[in-house]
N, C-alpha and C. Protein backbone atom coordinates (compact mmCIF):
# COMPACT_ATOMS: atom_id res chain seq x y z
N UNK A 1 -12.61 9.49 -10.95
CA UNK A 1 -12.80 9.33 -9.53
C UNK A 1 -12.31 7.94 -9.10
N UNK A 2 -11.48 7.91 -8.09
CA UNK A 2 -10.93 6.66 -7.57
C UNK A 2 -11.77 6.21 -6.39
N UNK A 3 -11.95 4.90 -6.26
CA UNK A 3 -12.68 4.34 -5.12
C UNK A 3 -11.99 3.07 -4.67
N UNK A 4 -12.24 2.70 -3.43
CA UNK A 4 -11.69 1.48 -2.85
C UNK A 4 -12.79 0.45 -2.79
N UNK A 5 -12.45 -0.80 -3.13
CA UNK A 5 -13.41 -1.88 -3.14
C UNK A 5 -12.88 -3.07 -2.36
N UNK A 6 -13.81 -3.84 -1.82
CA UNK A 6 -13.43 -5.13 -1.25
C UNK A 6 -13.13 -6.09 -2.38
N UNK A 7 -12.21 -6.98 -2.14
CA UNK A 7 -11.95 -8.03 -3.12
C UNK A 7 -12.98 -9.12 -2.90
N UNK A 8 -13.54 -9.60 -4.01
CA UNK A 8 -14.57 -10.62 -3.92
C UNK A 8 -14.46 -11.58 -5.10
N UNK A 9 -15.39 -12.52 -5.16
CA UNK A 9 -15.33 -13.53 -6.22
C UNK A 9 -15.57 -12.95 -7.61
N UNK A 10 -16.15 -11.76 -7.70
CA UNK A 10 -16.37 -11.15 -9.01
C UNK A 10 -15.15 -10.37 -9.53
N UNK A 11 -14.29 -9.88 -8.64
CA UNK A 11 -13.21 -9.01 -9.12
C UNK A 11 -11.79 -9.52 -8.90
N UNK A 12 -11.62 -10.63 -8.19
CA UNK A 12 -10.26 -11.04 -7.85
C UNK A 12 -9.43 -11.41 -9.06
N UNK A 13 -10.06 -11.94 -10.11
CA UNK A 13 -9.29 -12.30 -11.31
C UNK A 13 -8.79 -11.05 -12.03
N UNK A 14 -9.59 -10.00 -12.02
CA UNK A 14 -9.15 -8.74 -12.63
C UNK A 14 -7.95 -8.19 -11.87
N UNK A 15 -7.98 -8.33 -10.56
CA UNK A 15 -6.85 -7.90 -9.73
C UNK A 15 -5.62 -8.74 -10.04
N UNK A 16 -5.81 -10.04 -10.20
CA UNK A 16 -4.69 -10.94 -10.47
C UNK A 16 -3.99 -10.61 -11.79
N UNK A 17 -4.69 -9.97 -12.71
CA UNK A 17 -4.10 -9.62 -14.02
C UNK A 17 -3.36 -8.28 -14.02
N UNK A 18 -3.39 -7.55 -12.92
CA UNK A 18 -2.66 -6.28 -12.85
C UNK A 18 -1.16 -6.53 -12.96
N UNK A 19 -0.44 -5.54 -13.46
CA UNK A 19 1.02 -5.68 -13.53
C UNK A 19 1.69 -4.31 -13.46
N UNK A 20 2.95 -4.34 -13.16
CA UNK A 20 3.76 -3.12 -13.11
C UNK A 20 4.85 -3.23 -14.17
N UNK A 21 5.57 -2.14 -14.38
CA UNK A 21 6.64 -2.14 -15.37
C UNK A 21 7.76 -3.09 -14.95
N UNK A 22 8.60 -3.44 -15.92
CA UNK A 22 9.72 -4.34 -15.62
C UNK A 22 10.62 -3.76 -14.52
N UNK A 23 10.81 -2.44 -14.51
CA UNK A 23 11.67 -1.80 -13.52
C UNK A 23 11.10 -1.92 -12.11
N UNK A 24 9.79 -2.01 -11.99
CA UNK A 24 9.14 -2.06 -10.68
C UNK A 24 8.95 -3.47 -10.14
N UNK A 25 9.09 -4.47 -10.97
CA UNK A 25 8.77 -5.83 -10.56
C UNK A 25 9.59 -6.32 -9.37
N UNK A 26 10.79 -5.85 -9.21
CA UNK A 26 11.60 -6.26 -8.08
C UNK A 26 11.17 -5.64 -6.76
N UNK A 27 10.32 -4.64 -6.82
CA UNK A 27 9.90 -3.93 -5.61
C UNK A 27 8.59 -4.43 -5.03
N UNK A 28 7.79 -5.08 -5.83
CA UNK A 28 6.44 -5.48 -5.42
C UNK A 28 6.20 -6.96 -5.67
N UNK A 29 5.31 -7.51 -4.88
CA UNK A 29 4.83 -8.87 -5.11
C UNK A 29 3.87 -8.82 -6.29
N UNK A 30 3.64 -9.93 -6.94
CA UNK A 30 2.59 -10.01 -7.97
C UNK A 30 1.24 -9.89 -7.28
N UNK A 31 0.23 -9.41 -7.97
CA UNK A 31 -1.09 -9.24 -7.33
C UNK A 31 -1.63 -10.52 -6.69
N UNK A 32 -1.42 -11.66 -7.30
CA UNK A 32 -1.91 -12.91 -6.70
C UNK A 32 -1.16 -13.19 -5.40
N UNK A 33 0.10 -12.78 -5.34
CA UNK A 33 0.87 -12.90 -4.10
C UNK A 33 0.36 -11.96 -3.02
N UNK A 34 -0.09 -10.78 -3.43
CA UNK A 34 -0.65 -9.82 -2.48
C UNK A 34 -1.94 -10.39 -1.89
N UNK A 35 -2.77 -10.97 -2.75
CA UNK A 35 -4.01 -11.59 -2.27
C UNK A 35 -3.68 -12.72 -1.30
N UNK A 36 -2.68 -13.53 -1.63
CA UNK A 36 -2.29 -14.64 -0.75
C UNK A 36 -1.76 -14.12 0.59
N UNK A 37 -0.97 -13.06 0.57
CA UNK A 37 -0.47 -12.48 1.82
C UNK A 37 -1.62 -12.03 2.71
N UNK A 38 -2.65 -11.48 2.09
CA UNK A 38 -3.83 -11.06 2.85
C UNK A 38 -4.43 -12.23 3.61
N UNK A 39 -4.45 -13.39 2.98
CA UNK A 39 -4.95 -14.58 3.66
C UNK A 39 -4.00 -15.00 4.78
N UNK A 40 -2.74 -15.02 4.50
CA UNK A 40 -1.75 -15.45 5.49
C UNK A 40 -1.78 -14.54 6.73
N UNK A 41 -1.97 -13.24 6.52
CA UNK A 41 -2.00 -12.29 7.63
C UNK A 41 -3.42 -12.00 8.13
N UNK A 42 -4.35 -12.88 7.86
CA UNK A 42 -5.75 -12.65 8.26
C UNK A 42 -5.91 -12.49 9.76
N UNK A 43 -5.04 -13.09 10.56
CA UNK A 43 -5.13 -12.96 12.01
C UNK A 43 -4.56 -11.63 12.51
N UNK A 44 -4.02 -10.85 11.59
CA UNK A 44 -3.51 -9.51 11.90
C UNK A 44 -4.39 -8.45 11.24
N UNK A 45 -5.66 -8.80 11.07
CA UNK A 45 -6.63 -7.88 10.47
C UNK A 45 -6.18 -7.40 9.09
N UNK A 46 -5.57 -8.29 8.31
CA UNK A 46 -5.09 -7.91 6.98
C UNK A 46 -6.27 -7.66 6.06
N UNK A 47 -6.10 -6.63 5.23
CA UNK A 47 -7.10 -6.29 4.23
C UNK A 47 -6.43 -6.08 2.90
N UNK A 48 -6.89 -6.79 1.91
CA UNK A 48 -6.46 -6.55 0.54
C UNK A 48 -7.54 -5.66 -0.07
N UNK A 49 -7.12 -4.54 -0.58
CA UNK A 49 -8.04 -3.51 -1.05
C UNK A 49 -7.87 -3.33 -2.55
N UNK A 50 -8.95 -3.43 -3.29
CA UNK A 50 -8.92 -3.15 -4.72
C UNK A 50 -9.06 -1.65 -4.92
N UNK A 51 -8.33 -1.13 -5.88
CA UNK A 51 -8.39 0.29 -6.23
C UNK A 51 -9.00 0.36 -7.63
N UNK A 52 -10.05 1.16 -7.79
CA UNK A 52 -10.76 1.20 -9.06
C UNK A 52 -11.03 2.63 -9.51
N UNK A 53 -11.12 2.81 -10.83
CA UNK A 53 -11.67 4.05 -11.37
C UNK A 53 -13.12 3.75 -11.74
N UNK A 54 -13.71 4.53 -12.59
CA UNK A 54 -15.12 4.30 -12.93
C UNK A 54 -15.36 2.98 -13.66
N UNK A 55 -14.35 2.50 -14.39
CA UNK A 55 -14.55 1.33 -15.26
C UNK A 55 -13.71 0.11 -14.92
N UNK A 56 -12.56 0.32 -14.31
CA UNK A 56 -11.59 -0.78 -14.16
C UNK A 56 -11.03 -0.86 -12.74
N UNK A 57 -10.57 -2.05 -12.40
CA UNK A 57 -9.68 -2.22 -11.24
C UNK A 57 -8.32 -1.76 -11.73
N UNK A 58 -7.73 -0.79 -11.05
CA UNK A 58 -6.46 -0.23 -11.52
C UNK A 58 -5.30 -0.50 -10.57
N UNK A 59 -5.60 -1.05 -9.39
CA UNK A 59 -4.52 -1.29 -8.43
C UNK A 59 -4.99 -2.13 -7.26
N UNK A 60 -4.05 -2.39 -6.37
CA UNK A 60 -4.33 -3.20 -5.20
C UNK A 60 -3.38 -2.79 -4.07
N UNK A 61 -3.87 -2.93 -2.84
CA UNK A 61 -3.05 -2.61 -1.66
C UNK A 61 -3.30 -3.65 -0.59
N UNK A 62 -2.33 -3.82 0.29
CA UNK A 62 -2.44 -4.72 1.44
C UNK A 62 -2.05 -3.95 2.69
N UNK A 63 -2.97 -3.92 3.64
CA UNK A 63 -2.73 -3.27 4.93
C UNK A 63 -3.00 -4.29 6.02
N UNK A 64 -2.17 -4.29 7.05
CA UNK A 64 -2.42 -5.16 8.20
C UNK A 64 -2.09 -4.42 9.48
N UNK A 65 -2.60 -4.94 10.57
CA UNK A 65 -2.29 -4.38 11.88
C UNK A 65 -0.92 -4.86 12.31
N UNK A 66 -0.16 -3.98 12.92
CA UNK A 66 1.15 -4.32 13.44
C UNK A 66 1.15 -3.91 14.92
N UNK A 67 1.04 -4.90 15.81
CA UNK A 67 0.91 -4.61 17.23
C UNK A 67 2.24 -4.48 17.95
N UNK A 68 3.34 -4.83 17.30
CA UNK A 68 4.64 -4.64 17.93
C UNK A 68 5.05 -3.17 17.79
N UNK A 69 6.06 -2.76 18.52
CA UNK A 69 6.47 -1.36 18.50
C UNK A 69 7.16 -1.02 17.19
N UNK A 70 6.79 0.06 16.57
CA UNK A 70 5.69 0.92 16.97
C UNK A 70 4.36 0.34 16.48
N UNK A 71 3.39 0.25 17.34
CA UNK A 71 2.08 -0.26 16.96
C UNK A 71 1.47 0.68 15.93
N UNK A 72 1.12 0.12 14.77
CA UNK A 72 0.64 0.95 13.67
C UNK A 72 -0.01 0.08 12.60
N UNK A 73 -0.56 0.73 11.61
CA UNK A 73 -0.97 0.01 10.41
C UNK A 73 0.28 -0.21 9.57
N UNK A 74 0.38 -1.37 8.96
CA UNK A 74 1.52 -1.71 8.11
C UNK A 74 1.01 -1.79 6.68
N UNK A 75 1.38 -0.82 5.85
CA UNK A 75 1.03 -0.85 4.44
C UNK A 75 2.09 -1.69 3.75
N UNK A 76 1.78 -2.95 3.53
CA UNK A 76 2.79 -3.88 3.02
C UNK A 76 2.96 -3.81 1.51
N UNK A 77 1.89 -3.60 0.81
CA UNK A 77 1.95 -3.55 -0.65
C UNK A 77 1.00 -2.46 -1.14
N UNK A 78 1.43 -1.77 -2.18
CA UNK A 78 0.59 -0.74 -2.80
C UNK A 78 1.03 -0.64 -4.25
N UNK A 79 0.14 -0.96 -5.15
CA UNK A 79 0.53 -0.92 -6.57
C UNK A 79 -0.60 -0.38 -7.42
N UNK A 80 -0.20 0.34 -8.46
CA UNK A 80 -1.11 0.80 -9.51
C UNK A 80 -0.61 0.14 -10.80
N UNK A 81 -1.53 -0.44 -11.55
CA UNK A 81 -1.18 -1.10 -12.80
C UNK A 81 -0.43 -0.13 -13.72
N UNK A 82 0.51 -0.66 -14.48
CA UNK A 82 1.37 0.17 -15.33
C UNK A 82 0.56 1.00 -16.33
N UNK A 83 -0.62 0.55 -16.74
CA UNK A 83 -1.44 1.30 -17.70
C UNK A 83 -2.05 2.56 -17.08
N UNK A 84 -2.08 2.63 -15.75
CA UNK A 84 -2.75 3.73 -15.07
C UNK A 84 -1.80 4.60 -14.25
N UNK A 85 -0.50 4.35 -14.39
CA UNK A 85 0.47 5.14 -13.63
C UNK A 85 0.68 6.51 -14.25
N UNK A 86 1.22 7.42 -13.45
CA UNK A 86 1.55 8.78 -13.86
C UNK A 86 0.32 9.60 -14.25
N UNK A 87 -0.80 9.29 -13.61
CA UNK A 87 -2.04 10.03 -13.84
C UNK A 87 -2.62 10.56 -12.53
N UNK A 88 -1.87 10.41 -11.44
CA UNK A 88 -2.33 10.89 -10.14
C UNK A 88 -3.18 9.89 -9.38
N UNK A 89 -3.43 8.73 -9.97
CA UNK A 89 -4.28 7.73 -9.32
C UNK A 89 -3.65 7.18 -8.04
N UNK A 90 -2.35 6.97 -8.07
CA UNK A 90 -1.67 6.43 -6.89
C UNK A 90 -1.79 7.36 -5.69
N UNK A 91 -1.57 8.65 -5.93
CA UNK A 91 -1.69 9.63 -4.86
C UNK A 91 -3.11 9.68 -4.33
N UNK A 92 -4.07 9.71 -5.25
CA UNK A 92 -5.48 9.77 -4.83
C UNK A 92 -5.89 8.51 -4.06
N UNK A 93 -5.46 7.33 -4.55
CA UNK A 93 -5.80 6.08 -3.88
C UNK A 93 -5.15 6.00 -2.50
N UNK A 94 -3.90 6.43 -2.40
CA UNK A 94 -3.21 6.41 -1.11
C UNK A 94 -3.91 7.33 -0.10
N UNK A 95 -4.36 8.48 -0.55
CA UNK A 95 -5.10 9.38 0.34
C UNK A 95 -6.40 8.73 0.81
N UNK A 96 -7.09 8.02 -0.08
CA UNK A 96 -8.32 7.33 0.32
C UNK A 96 -8.04 6.23 1.35
N UNK A 97 -6.96 5.50 1.15
CA UNK A 97 -6.60 4.44 2.11
C UNK A 97 -6.27 5.06 3.47
N UNK A 98 -5.51 6.15 3.46
CA UNK A 98 -5.17 6.82 4.72
C UNK A 98 -6.42 7.36 5.41
N UNK A 99 -7.36 7.89 4.64
CA UNK A 99 -8.60 8.38 5.23
C UNK A 99 -9.41 7.24 5.85
N UNK A 100 -9.47 6.12 5.15
CA UNK A 100 -10.18 4.94 5.67
C UNK A 100 -9.56 4.48 7.00
N UNK A 101 -8.24 4.43 7.05
CA UNK A 101 -7.55 4.00 8.27
C UNK A 101 -7.71 5.03 9.38
N UNK A 102 -7.69 6.31 9.03
CA UNK A 102 -7.88 7.36 10.03
C UNK A 102 -9.26 7.25 10.67
N UNK A 103 -10.27 6.97 9.87
CA UNK A 103 -11.63 6.82 10.39
C UNK A 103 -11.75 5.58 11.28
N UNK A 104 -11.05 4.52 10.91
CA UNK A 104 -11.06 3.30 11.71
C UNK A 104 -10.33 3.53 13.02
N UNK A 105 -9.17 4.17 12.93
CA UNK A 105 -8.34 4.66 14.04
C UNK A 105 -8.00 3.61 15.10
N UNK A 106 -7.57 2.42 14.67
CA UNK A 106 -7.00 1.47 15.63
C UNK A 106 -5.63 1.94 16.10
N UNK A 107 -4.95 2.68 15.23
CA UNK A 107 -3.59 3.17 15.51
C UNK A 107 -3.50 4.62 15.11
N UNK A 108 -2.44 5.26 15.52
CA UNK A 108 -2.23 6.68 15.22
C UNK A 108 -1.34 6.91 14.00
N UNK A 109 -0.83 5.80 13.42
CA UNK A 109 0.09 5.98 12.30
C UNK A 109 0.08 4.78 11.35
N UNK A 110 0.68 5.01 10.19
CA UNK A 110 0.81 3.99 9.15
C UNK A 110 2.29 3.91 8.77
N UNK A 111 2.80 2.70 8.68
CA UNK A 111 4.20 2.48 8.34
C UNK A 111 4.29 1.80 6.98
N UNK A 112 5.33 2.16 6.23
CA UNK A 112 5.61 1.47 4.96
C UNK A 112 7.13 1.38 4.82
N UNK A 113 7.58 0.27 4.31
CA UNK A 113 9.00 0.03 4.07
C UNK A 113 9.21 0.05 2.55
N UNK A 114 10.10 0.92 2.07
CA UNK A 114 10.26 1.13 0.63
C UNK A 114 11.74 1.02 0.25
N UNK A 115 11.98 0.30 -0.82
CA UNK A 115 13.34 0.19 -1.35
C UNK A 115 13.83 1.58 -1.74
N UNK A 116 15.04 1.92 -1.36
CA UNK A 116 15.62 3.24 -1.65
C UNK A 116 15.67 3.52 -3.16
N UNK A 117 15.73 2.47 -3.96
CA UNK A 117 15.81 2.65 -5.41
C UNK A 117 14.45 2.88 -6.06
N UNK A 118 13.39 2.66 -5.34
CA UNK A 118 12.04 2.83 -5.90
C UNK A 118 11.61 4.29 -5.77
N UNK A 119 12.24 5.14 -6.57
CA UNK A 119 12.03 6.58 -6.47
C UNK A 119 10.59 7.01 -6.76
N UNK A 120 9.90 6.44 -7.75
CA UNK A 120 8.50 6.84 -7.95
C UNK A 120 7.63 6.57 -6.72
N UNK A 121 7.82 5.42 -6.08
CA UNK A 121 7.04 5.11 -4.87
C UNK A 121 7.40 6.06 -3.74
N UNK A 122 8.66 6.34 -3.56
CA UNK A 122 9.08 7.27 -2.51
C UNK A 122 8.44 8.64 -2.71
N UNK A 123 8.38 9.11 -3.97
CA UNK A 123 7.76 10.42 -4.25
C UNK A 123 6.28 10.42 -3.87
N UNK A 124 5.56 9.34 -4.20
CA UNK A 124 4.13 9.28 -3.88
C UNK A 124 3.93 9.30 -2.36
N UNK A 125 4.70 8.49 -1.64
CA UNK A 125 4.55 8.45 -0.18
C UNK A 125 4.88 9.80 0.45
N UNK A 126 5.94 10.44 0.00
CA UNK A 126 6.31 11.73 0.55
C UNK A 126 5.27 12.80 0.20
N UNK A 127 4.70 12.72 -1.00
CA UNK A 127 3.70 13.69 -1.43
C UNK A 127 2.48 13.71 -0.51
N UNK A 128 2.09 12.55 0.02
CA UNK A 128 0.91 12.50 0.88
C UNK A 128 1.24 12.69 2.36
N UNK A 129 2.54 12.80 2.69
CA UNK A 129 2.90 13.13 4.07
C UNK A 129 3.68 12.09 4.84
N UNK A 130 4.11 11.00 4.21
CA UNK A 130 4.98 10.04 4.89
C UNK A 130 6.35 10.68 5.08
N UNK A 131 6.99 10.39 6.21
CA UNK A 131 8.34 10.89 6.47
C UNK A 131 9.25 9.73 6.87
N UNK A 132 10.52 9.90 6.59
CA UNK A 132 11.52 8.88 6.91
C UNK A 132 11.74 8.86 8.42
N UNK A 133 11.64 7.67 9.01
CA UNK A 133 11.84 7.54 10.46
C UNK A 133 13.32 7.48 10.83
N UNK A 134 14.17 7.18 9.85
CA UNK A 134 15.59 7.01 10.13
C UNK A 134 15.95 5.60 10.56
N UNK A 135 14.93 4.78 10.82
CA UNK A 135 15.17 3.40 11.24
C UNK A 135 15.57 2.56 10.03
N UNK A 136 16.60 1.76 10.17
CA UNK A 136 17.03 0.83 9.13
C UNK A 136 16.98 -0.58 9.72
N UNK A 137 16.16 -1.41 9.13
CA UNK A 137 16.06 -2.81 9.55
C UNK A 137 17.30 -3.53 9.05
N UNK A 138 18.00 -4.22 9.93
CA UNK A 138 19.23 -4.91 9.56
C UNK A 138 19.01 -5.94 8.45
N UNK A 139 17.81 -6.51 8.39
CA UNK A 139 17.53 -7.50 7.34
C UNK A 139 17.16 -6.83 6.01
N UNK A 140 16.90 -5.52 6.02
CA UNK A 140 16.54 -4.77 4.80
C UNK A 140 17.33 -3.46 4.75
N UNK A 141 18.66 -3.54 4.66
CA UNK A 141 19.47 -2.32 4.76
C UNK A 141 19.27 -1.33 3.61
N UNK A 142 18.70 -1.77 2.50
CA UNK A 142 18.50 -0.90 1.34
C UNK A 142 17.10 -0.31 1.29
N UNK A 143 16.40 -0.34 2.42
CA UNK A 143 15.03 0.15 2.49
C UNK A 143 14.90 1.30 3.49
N UNK A 144 13.97 2.19 3.18
CA UNK A 144 13.62 3.26 4.10
C UNK A 144 12.33 2.90 4.81
N UNK A 145 12.27 3.24 6.07
CA UNK A 145 11.06 3.03 6.86
C UNK A 145 10.36 4.38 6.96
N UNK A 146 9.19 4.48 6.32
CA UNK A 146 8.45 5.74 6.31
C UNK A 146 7.23 5.62 7.20
N UNK A 147 6.82 6.75 7.79
CA UNK A 147 5.68 6.75 8.70
C UNK A 147 4.77 7.94 8.36
N UNK A 148 3.47 7.68 8.48
CA UNK A 148 2.45 8.71 8.31
C UNK A 148 1.67 8.78 9.62
N UNK A 149 1.52 9.97 10.18
CA UNK A 149 0.81 10.15 11.43
C UNK A 149 -0.52 10.86 11.18
N UNK A 150 -1.59 10.37 11.79
CA UNK A 150 -2.91 10.97 11.59
C UNK A 150 -3.06 12.29 12.34
N UNK A 151 -2.53 12.36 13.53
CA UNK A 151 -2.68 13.57 14.34
C UNK A 151 -1.42 14.41 14.31
N UNK A 152 -1.47 15.50 15.02
CA UNK A 152 -0.29 16.35 15.13
C UNK A 152 0.74 15.67 16.00
N UNK A 153 2.01 15.90 15.71
CA UNK A 153 3.12 15.32 16.47
C UNK A 153 3.85 16.40 17.19
């Protein structure tokens, strides 16, 4: 069973020790960088979320509010430690995060920007219902902009 936890003084070091495979390192910030981004974006309601199973912290995510168009939640980082990948934890954790945001409902959608080469991440996002918006940011031409909508469109 996967659960979401607040990061606190008891668990942040465990989060800082998480890692991804060598192939994934170019796609994600290090966990300590994710925690730091949460602080930097604190005025945008940033939340760094620990992802845990029954015994361990297995991942981390960063979500912030994005008030510019399109106003939405911005899922900036989402990672599962390499020891826990390919077990369905990422899909389950992503669904929990989306449910949490849906219940909060500041926005009607969640946006994520993913490198086109990060095929495992793209599969997880598409599996839970993210779709390609077709938008290409000129500063990130090798990335896809995916969106998840809570309600019917």
